[in-house]
Amino acid sequence: MPYMVNPESTHKALLKDGGIPLGLNPFSAAGRDPIEIDPDKSYYLVAAMTAREEYHFARLFSDGWWAKPSKVKLASQMGKILDIPDSKTEFKGKLCKSGGRTAYNPLGYYLFPAPK
C-alpha cells in the first residue's frame, strides 16, 4: 500500500528480500554491522531511495545506473555514469537527481546476490 512506503518499511523489505545493507558509503565499514559475502557469488549493487508513498531503486550495471521506480513500467537508464556516490550529499545530488526527482531521500546501498 502506498501509505506504507517509508524509509523503515522499505529497509525492512530489502532485508527480507536478502539485501545486505551498506549504508550511505559502501566504501566505509564505519557505523555498520560487519557483513559477510560469498566470494563465489556475484552481487548487484542497489541504491535505494524513498519519497512520499514511493520508493525508487537503482542498480549498477557495466553500462551505468538503471532505475526501477515503484511505478510499473518506468525502468530506464539513468545515464552512463559508473560513479558510486559515497556520501548522503553526493547520493542525493547524483542518484536521486538522476532518478528524476530531487525530492527522493537516500536510504542507502544494498548488495543482493545475483541469480545464477
N, C-alpha and C. Protein backbone atom coordinates (compact mmCIF):
# COMPACT_ATOMS: atom_id res chain seq x y z
N MET A 1 0.84 -1.18 0.00
CA MET A 1 0.00 0.00 0.00
C MET A 1 0.89 1.25 0.00
N PRO A 2 0.58 2.23 -0.82
CA PRO A 2 1.43 3.42 -0.90
C PRO A 2 1.66 4.11 0.43
N TYR A 3 0.65 4.19 1.27
CA TYR A 3 0.82 4.89 2.54
C TYR A 3 1.80 4.18 3.46
N MET A 4 2.16 2.94 3.15
CA MET A 4 3.09 2.18 3.98
C MET A 4 4.55 2.36 3.54
N VAL A 5 4.78 3.11 2.47
CA VAL A 5 6.14 3.32 1.99
C VAL A 5 6.80 4.41 2.83
N ASN A 6 7.82 4.03 3.55
CA ASN A 6 8.63 4.96 4.32
C ASN A 6 10.02 4.34 4.44
N PRO A 7 11.01 5.09 4.90
CA PRO A 7 12.36 4.52 4.97
C PRO A 7 12.45 3.24 5.79
N GLU A 8 11.76 3.17 6.91
CA GLU A 8 11.85 1.99 7.77
C GLU A 8 11.24 0.75 7.11
N SER A 9 10.06 0.90 6.54
CA SER A 9 9.40 -0.26 5.93
C SER A 9 10.14 -0.71 4.68
N THR A 10 10.70 0.24 3.93
CA THR A 10 11.46 -0.11 2.73
C THR A 10 12.74 -0.85 3.13
N HIS A 11 13.42 -0.37 4.16
CA HIS A 11 14.63 -1.04 4.66
C HIS A 11 14.31 -2.47 5.11
N LYS A 12 13.24 -2.64 5.87
CA LYS A 12 12.84 -3.98 6.33
C LYS A 12 12.54 -4.90 5.15
N ALA A 13 11.86 -4.38 4.13
CA ALA A 13 11.53 -5.18 2.95
C ALA A 13 12.80 -5.60 2.20
N LEU A 14 13.75 -4.69 2.09
CA LEU A 14 15.01 -5.02 1.41
C LEU A 14 15.78 -6.09 2.17
N LEU A 15 15.77 -6.02 3.49
CA LEU A 15 16.43 -7.05 4.29
C LEU A 15 15.72 -8.39 4.13
N LYS A 16 14.40 -8.36 4.13
CA LYS A 16 13.61 -9.58 3.98
C LYS A 16 13.89 -10.25 2.63
N ASP A 17 14.17 -9.43 1.61
CA ASP A 17 14.46 -9.97 0.28
C ASP A 17 15.93 -10.35 0.10
N GLY A 18 16.69 -10.34 1.19
CA GLY A 18 18.08 -10.79 1.13
C GLY A 18 19.11 -9.70 0.93
N GLY A 19 18.70 -8.44 1.03
CA GLY A 19 19.64 -7.33 0.86
C GLY A 19 20.63 -7.26 2.01
N ILE A 20 21.84 -6.90 1.68
CA ILE A 20 22.89 -6.70 2.68
C ILE A 20 23.13 -5.19 2.74
N PRO A 21 22.76 -4.55 3.86
CA PRO A 21 22.87 -3.09 3.93
C PRO A 21 24.31 -2.61 4.02
N LEU A 22 24.63 -1.57 3.23
CA LEU A 22 25.97 -1.00 3.24
C LEU A 22 25.97 0.45 3.73
N GLY A 23 24.81 1.01 4.03
CA GLY A 23 24.74 2.40 4.46
C GLY A 23 24.88 3.35 3.28
N LEU A 24 25.19 4.60 3.58
CA LEU A 24 25.30 5.62 2.54
C LEU A 24 26.69 5.71 1.93
N ASN A 25 27.66 5.04 2.52
CA ASN A 25 29.00 4.99 1.95
C ASN A 25 29.43 3.53 1.88
N PRO A 26 29.30 2.91 0.71
CA PRO A 26 29.61 1.49 0.61
C PRO A 26 31.10 1.19 0.75
N PHE A 27 31.94 2.23 0.76
CA PHE A 27 33.39 2.04 0.87
C PHE A 27 33.88 2.06 2.31
N SER A 28 33.00 2.39 3.24
CA SER A 28 33.40 2.50 4.63
C SER A 28 32.57 1.57 5.52
N ALA A 29 33.25 0.86 6.41
CA ALA A 29 32.56 -0.04 7.34
C ALA A 29 32.20 0.68 8.64
N ALA A 30 32.58 1.93 8.76
CA ALA A 30 32.31 2.68 9.99
C ALA A 30 30.81 2.80 10.22
N GLY A 31 30.38 2.44 11.42
CA GLY A 31 28.98 2.62 11.81
C GLY A 31 28.02 1.57 11.30
N ARG A 32 28.51 0.51 10.72
CA ARG A 32 27.60 -0.54 10.25
C ARG A 32 28.07 -1.88 10.78
N ASP A 33 27.13 -2.82 10.84
CA ASP A 33 27.48 -4.16 11.28
C ASP A 33 28.39 -4.83 10.25
N PRO A 34 29.25 -5.73 10.71
CA PRO A 34 30.10 -6.46 9.76
C PRO A 34 29.23 -7.25 8.78
N ILE A 35 29.68 -7.35 7.55
CA ILE A 35 28.93 -8.10 6.54
C ILE A 35 29.74 -9.29 6.09
N GLU A 36 29.04 -10.30 5.65
CA GLU A 36 29.69 -11.48 5.09
C GLU A 36 29.17 -11.68 3.68
N ILE A 37 30.09 -11.81 2.75
CA ILE A 37 29.69 -12.10 1.38
C ILE A 37 30.42 -13.35 0.93
N ASP A 38 29.79 -14.06 0.03
CA ASP A 38 30.35 -15.29 -0.52
C ASP A 38 31.22 -14.92 -1.73
N PRO A 39 32.52 -15.19 -1.67
CA PRO A 39 33.39 -14.81 -2.78
C PRO A 39 33.08 -15.57 -4.08
N ASP A 40 32.30 -16.63 -3.98
CA ASP A 40 31.94 -17.39 -5.18
C ASP A 40 30.66 -16.89 -5.84
N LYS A 41 30.04 -15.88 -5.25
CA LYS A 41 28.80 -15.33 -5.81
C LYS A 41 29.05 -13.96 -6.41
N SER A 42 28.18 -13.58 -7.31
CA SER A 42 28.16 -12.22 -7.85
C SER A 42 27.04 -11.47 -7.15
N TYR A 43 27.20 -10.16 -7.02
CA TYR A 43 26.23 -9.35 -6.31
C TYR A 43 25.86 -8.13 -7.15
N TYR A 44 24.61 -7.70 -7.01
CA TYR A 44 24.17 -6.44 -7.58
C TYR A 44 24.32 -5.38 -6.51
N LEU A 45 24.77 -4.20 -6.91
CA LEU A 45 24.78 -3.05 -6.02
C LEU A 45 23.53 -2.25 -6.32
N VAL A 46 22.69 -2.07 -5.30
CA VAL A 46 21.42 -1.38 -5.45
C VAL A 46 21.41 -0.15 -4.55
N ALA A 47 21.01 0.98 -5.12
CA ALA A 47 20.83 2.21 -4.35
C ALA A 47 19.33 2.38 -4.12
N ALA A 48 18.94 2.57 -2.88
CA ALA A 48 17.51 2.70 -2.55
C ALA A 48 17.23 4.12 -2.06
N MET A 49 16.08 4.64 -2.50
CA MET A 49 15.63 5.97 -2.09
C MET A 49 14.12 5.94 -1.90
N THR A 50 13.64 6.84 -1.11
CA THR A 50 12.20 6.91 -0.88
C THR A 50 11.73 8.37 -1.01
N ALA A 51 10.48 8.51 -1.31
CA ALA A 51 9.79 9.80 -1.30
C ALA A 51 8.37 9.48 -0.86
N ARG A 52 7.62 10.47 -0.54
CA ARG A 52 6.25 10.22 -0.07
C ARG A 52 5.58 9.14 -0.90
N GLU A 53 5.24 8.05 -0.28
CA GLU A 53 4.48 6.95 -0.87
C GLU A 53 5.13 6.33 -2.11
N GLU A 54 6.43 6.54 -2.29
CA GLU A 54 7.13 5.94 -3.42
C GLU A 54 8.49 5.44 -2.95
N TYR A 55 8.95 4.41 -3.61
CA TYR A 55 10.34 4.01 -3.44
C TYR A 55 10.97 4.00 -4.82
N HIS A 56 12.27 3.99 -4.84
CA HIS A 56 12.98 4.03 -6.11
C HIS A 56 14.27 3.25 -5.90
N PHE A 57 14.56 2.32 -6.81
CA PHE A 57 15.79 1.56 -6.74
C PHE A 57 16.60 1.83 -7.99
N ALA A 58 17.89 1.85 -7.84
CA ALA A 58 18.79 1.97 -8.99
C ALA A 58 19.82 0.85 -8.85
N ARG A 59 20.07 0.17 -9.95
CA ARG A 59 21.04 -0.93 -9.92
C ARG A 59 22.19 -0.58 -10.86
N LEU A 60 23.41 -0.82 -10.39
CA LEU A 60 24.59 -0.52 -11.18
C LEU A 60 24.95 -1.70 -12.06
N PHE A 61 25.00 -1.46 -13.35
CA PHE A 61 25.45 -2.45 -14.33
C PHE A 61 26.72 -1.92 -14.99
N SER A 62 27.29 -2.69 -15.88
CA SER A 62 28.54 -2.27 -16.53
C SER A 62 28.35 -1.05 -17.43
N ASP A 63 27.12 -0.73 -17.79
CA ASP A 63 26.88 0.43 -18.64
C ASP A 63 26.21 1.59 -17.90
N GLY A 64 26.24 1.57 -16.59
CA GLY A 64 25.71 2.67 -15.81
C GLY A 64 24.58 2.25 -14.88
N TRP A 65 24.00 3.24 -14.22
CA TRP A 65 22.91 3.02 -13.28
C TRP A 65 21.59 2.90 -14.05
N TRP A 66 20.78 1.93 -13.65
CA TRP A 66 19.44 1.76 -14.22
C TRP A 66 18.42 1.92 -13.11
N ALA A 67 17.37 2.65 -13.39
CA ALA A 67 16.36 2.96 -12.39
C ALA A 67 15.18 2.01 -12.47
N LYS A 68 14.64 1.68 -11.31
CA LYS A 68 13.39 0.92 -11.21
C LYS A 68 12.55 1.55 -10.13
N PRO A 69 11.71 2.52 -10.51
CA PRO A 69 10.84 3.14 -9.52
C PRO A 69 9.67 2.23 -9.17
N SER A 70 8.93 2.62 -8.16
CA SER A 70 7.77 1.83 -7.73
C SER A 70 6.65 1.88 -8.76
N LYS A 71 6.71 2.83 -9.65
CA LYS A 71 5.67 2.92 -10.68
C LYS A 71 6.00 1.93 -11.80
N VAL A 72 5.07 1.08 -12.10
CA VAL A 72 5.27 0.00 -13.05
C VAL A 72 5.67 0.52 -14.43
N LYS A 73 6.55 -0.20 -15.08
CA LYS A 73 6.98 0.05 -16.46
C LYS A 73 7.79 1.32 -16.65
N LEU A 74 8.39 1.86 -15.61
CA LEU A 74 9.18 3.07 -15.78
C LEU A 74 10.67 2.82 -15.63
N ALA A 75 11.12 1.59 -15.78
CA ALA A 75 12.55 1.30 -15.70
C ALA A 75 13.25 2.02 -16.84
N SER A 76 14.38 2.63 -16.53
CA SER A 76 15.12 3.35 -17.56
C SER A 76 16.56 3.53 -17.12
N GLN A 77 17.41 3.80 -18.10
CA GLN A 77 18.81 4.07 -17.79
C GLN A 77 18.93 5.49 -17.27
N MET A 78 19.68 5.66 -16.20
CA MET A 78 19.82 6.97 -15.58
C MET A 78 21.03 7.72 -16.13
N GLY A 79 21.66 7.19 -17.10
CA GLY A 79 22.89 7.78 -17.64
C GLY A 79 23.98 6.74 -17.60
N LYS A 80 25.05 7.04 -18.23
CA LYS A 80 26.14 6.08 -18.34
C LYS A 80 27.19 6.27 -17.24
N ILE A 81 26.79 6.88 -16.15
CA ILE A 81 27.75 7.08 -15.06
C ILE A 81 27.99 5.77 -14.33
N LEU A 82 29.22 5.53 -14.00
CA LEU A 82 29.57 4.35 -13.20
C LEU A 82 30.03 4.77 -11.82
N ASP A 83 29.94 6.06 -11.54
CA ASP A 83 30.35 6.61 -10.26
C ASP A 83 29.45 6.09 -9.14
N ILE A 84 30.04 5.84 -7.98
CA ILE A 84 29.27 5.41 -6.81
C ILE A 84 29.42 6.51 -5.76
N PRO A 85 28.42 7.38 -5.63
CA PRO A 85 28.50 8.45 -4.63
C PRO A 85 28.72 7.87 -3.23
N ASP A 86 29.60 8.51 -2.45
CA ASP A 86 29.95 7.94 -1.15
C ASP A 86 29.59 8.83 0.04
N SER A 87 28.58 9.65 -0.13
CA SER A 87 28.06 10.43 0.99
C SER A 87 26.60 10.74 0.72
N LYS A 88 25.88 11.12 1.77
CA LYS A 88 24.46 11.42 1.60
C LYS A 88 24.27 12.58 0.62
N THR A 89 25.13 13.58 0.70
CA THR A 89 25.01 14.74 -0.19
C THR A 89 25.23 14.34 -1.64
N GLU A 90 26.28 13.55 -1.91
CA GLU A 90 26.55 13.11 -3.28
C GLU A 90 25.45 12.18 -3.77
N PHE A 91 24.98 11.28 -2.90
CA PHE A 91 23.90 10.34 -3.25
C PHE A 91 22.68 11.14 -3.70
N LYS A 92 22.30 12.12 -2.88
CA LYS A 92 21.12 12.92 -3.19
C LYS A 92 21.33 13.73 -4.46
N GLY A 93 22.52 14.30 -4.63
CA GLY A 93 22.80 15.14 -5.78
C GLY A 93 22.94 14.37 -7.08
N LYS A 94 23.54 13.19 -7.02
CA LYS A 94 23.78 12.44 -8.25
C LYS A 94 22.70 11.41 -8.54
N LEU A 95 22.44 10.50 -7.59
CA LEU A 95 21.50 9.43 -7.86
C LEU A 95 20.05 9.86 -7.74
N CYS A 96 19.71 10.58 -6.69
CA CYS A 96 18.31 11.00 -6.54
C CYS A 96 17.92 11.93 -7.68
N LYS A 97 18.80 12.82 -8.05
CA LYS A 97 18.50 13.76 -9.14
C LYS A 97 18.43 13.01 -10.47
N SER A 98 19.36 12.06 -10.70
CA SER A 98 19.34 11.28 -11.94
C SER A 98 18.10 10.41 -12.01
N GLY A 99 17.58 10.02 -10.84
CA GLY A 99 16.38 9.20 -10.79
C GLY A 99 15.12 9.95 -11.18
N GLY A 100 15.23 11.26 -11.37
CA GLY A 100 14.11 12.01 -11.87
C GLY A 100 13.45 12.94 -10.87
N ARG A 101 13.77 12.78 -9.58
CA ARG A 101 13.14 13.64 -8.58
C ARG A 101 14.14 13.97 -7.50
N THR A 102 14.41 15.22 -7.31
CA THR A 102 15.32 15.60 -6.24
C THR A 102 14.66 15.43 -4.88
N ALA A 103 13.35 15.19 -4.85
CA ALA A 103 12.64 15.01 -3.59
C ALA A 103 12.89 13.63 -2.98
N TYR A 104 13.54 12.73 -3.71
CA TYR A 104 13.85 11.44 -3.13
C TYR A 104 14.87 11.61 -2.02
N ASN A 105 14.72 10.82 -0.96
CA ASN A 105 15.66 10.82 0.14
C ASN A 105 16.49 9.55 0.09
N PRO A 106 17.82 9.66 0.17
CA PRO A 106 18.67 8.49 0.12
C PRO A 106 18.41 7.55 1.29
N LEU A 107 18.21 6.28 1.00
CA LEU A 107 18.06 5.27 2.04
C LEU A 107 19.39 4.57 2.25
N GLY A 108 20.09 4.26 1.17
CA GLY A 108 21.41 3.64 1.27
C GLY A 108 21.63 2.62 0.18
N TYR A 109 22.79 2.01 0.25
CA TYR A 109 23.17 0.97 -0.71
C TYR A 109 22.94 -0.40 -0.09
N TYR A 110 22.62 -1.36 -0.96
CA TYR A 110 22.42 -2.75 -0.55
C TYR A 110 23.07 -3.65 -1.59
N LEU A 111 23.61 -4.76 -1.14
CA LEU A 111 24.08 -5.80 -2.05
C LEU A 111 23.02 -6.88 -2.10
N PHE A 112 22.77 -7.39 -3.31
CA PHE A 112 21.85 -8.51 -3.50
C PHE A 112 22.55 -9.58 -4.30
N PRO A 113 22.50 -10.83 -3.85
CA PRO A 113 23.09 -11.91 -4.63
C PRO A 113 22.42 -11.98 -6.00
N ALA A 114 23.25 -12.07 -7.03
CA ALA A 114 22.73 -12.19 -8.39
C ALA A 114 22.32 -13.62 -8.65
N PRO A 115 21.21 -13.82 -9.36
CA PRO A 115 20.81 -15.19 -9.69
C PRO A 115 21.86 -15.83 -10.60
N LYS A 116 21.97 -17.13 -10.49
CA LYS A 116 22.94 -17.86 -11.32
C LYS A 116 22.44 -18.05 -12.71
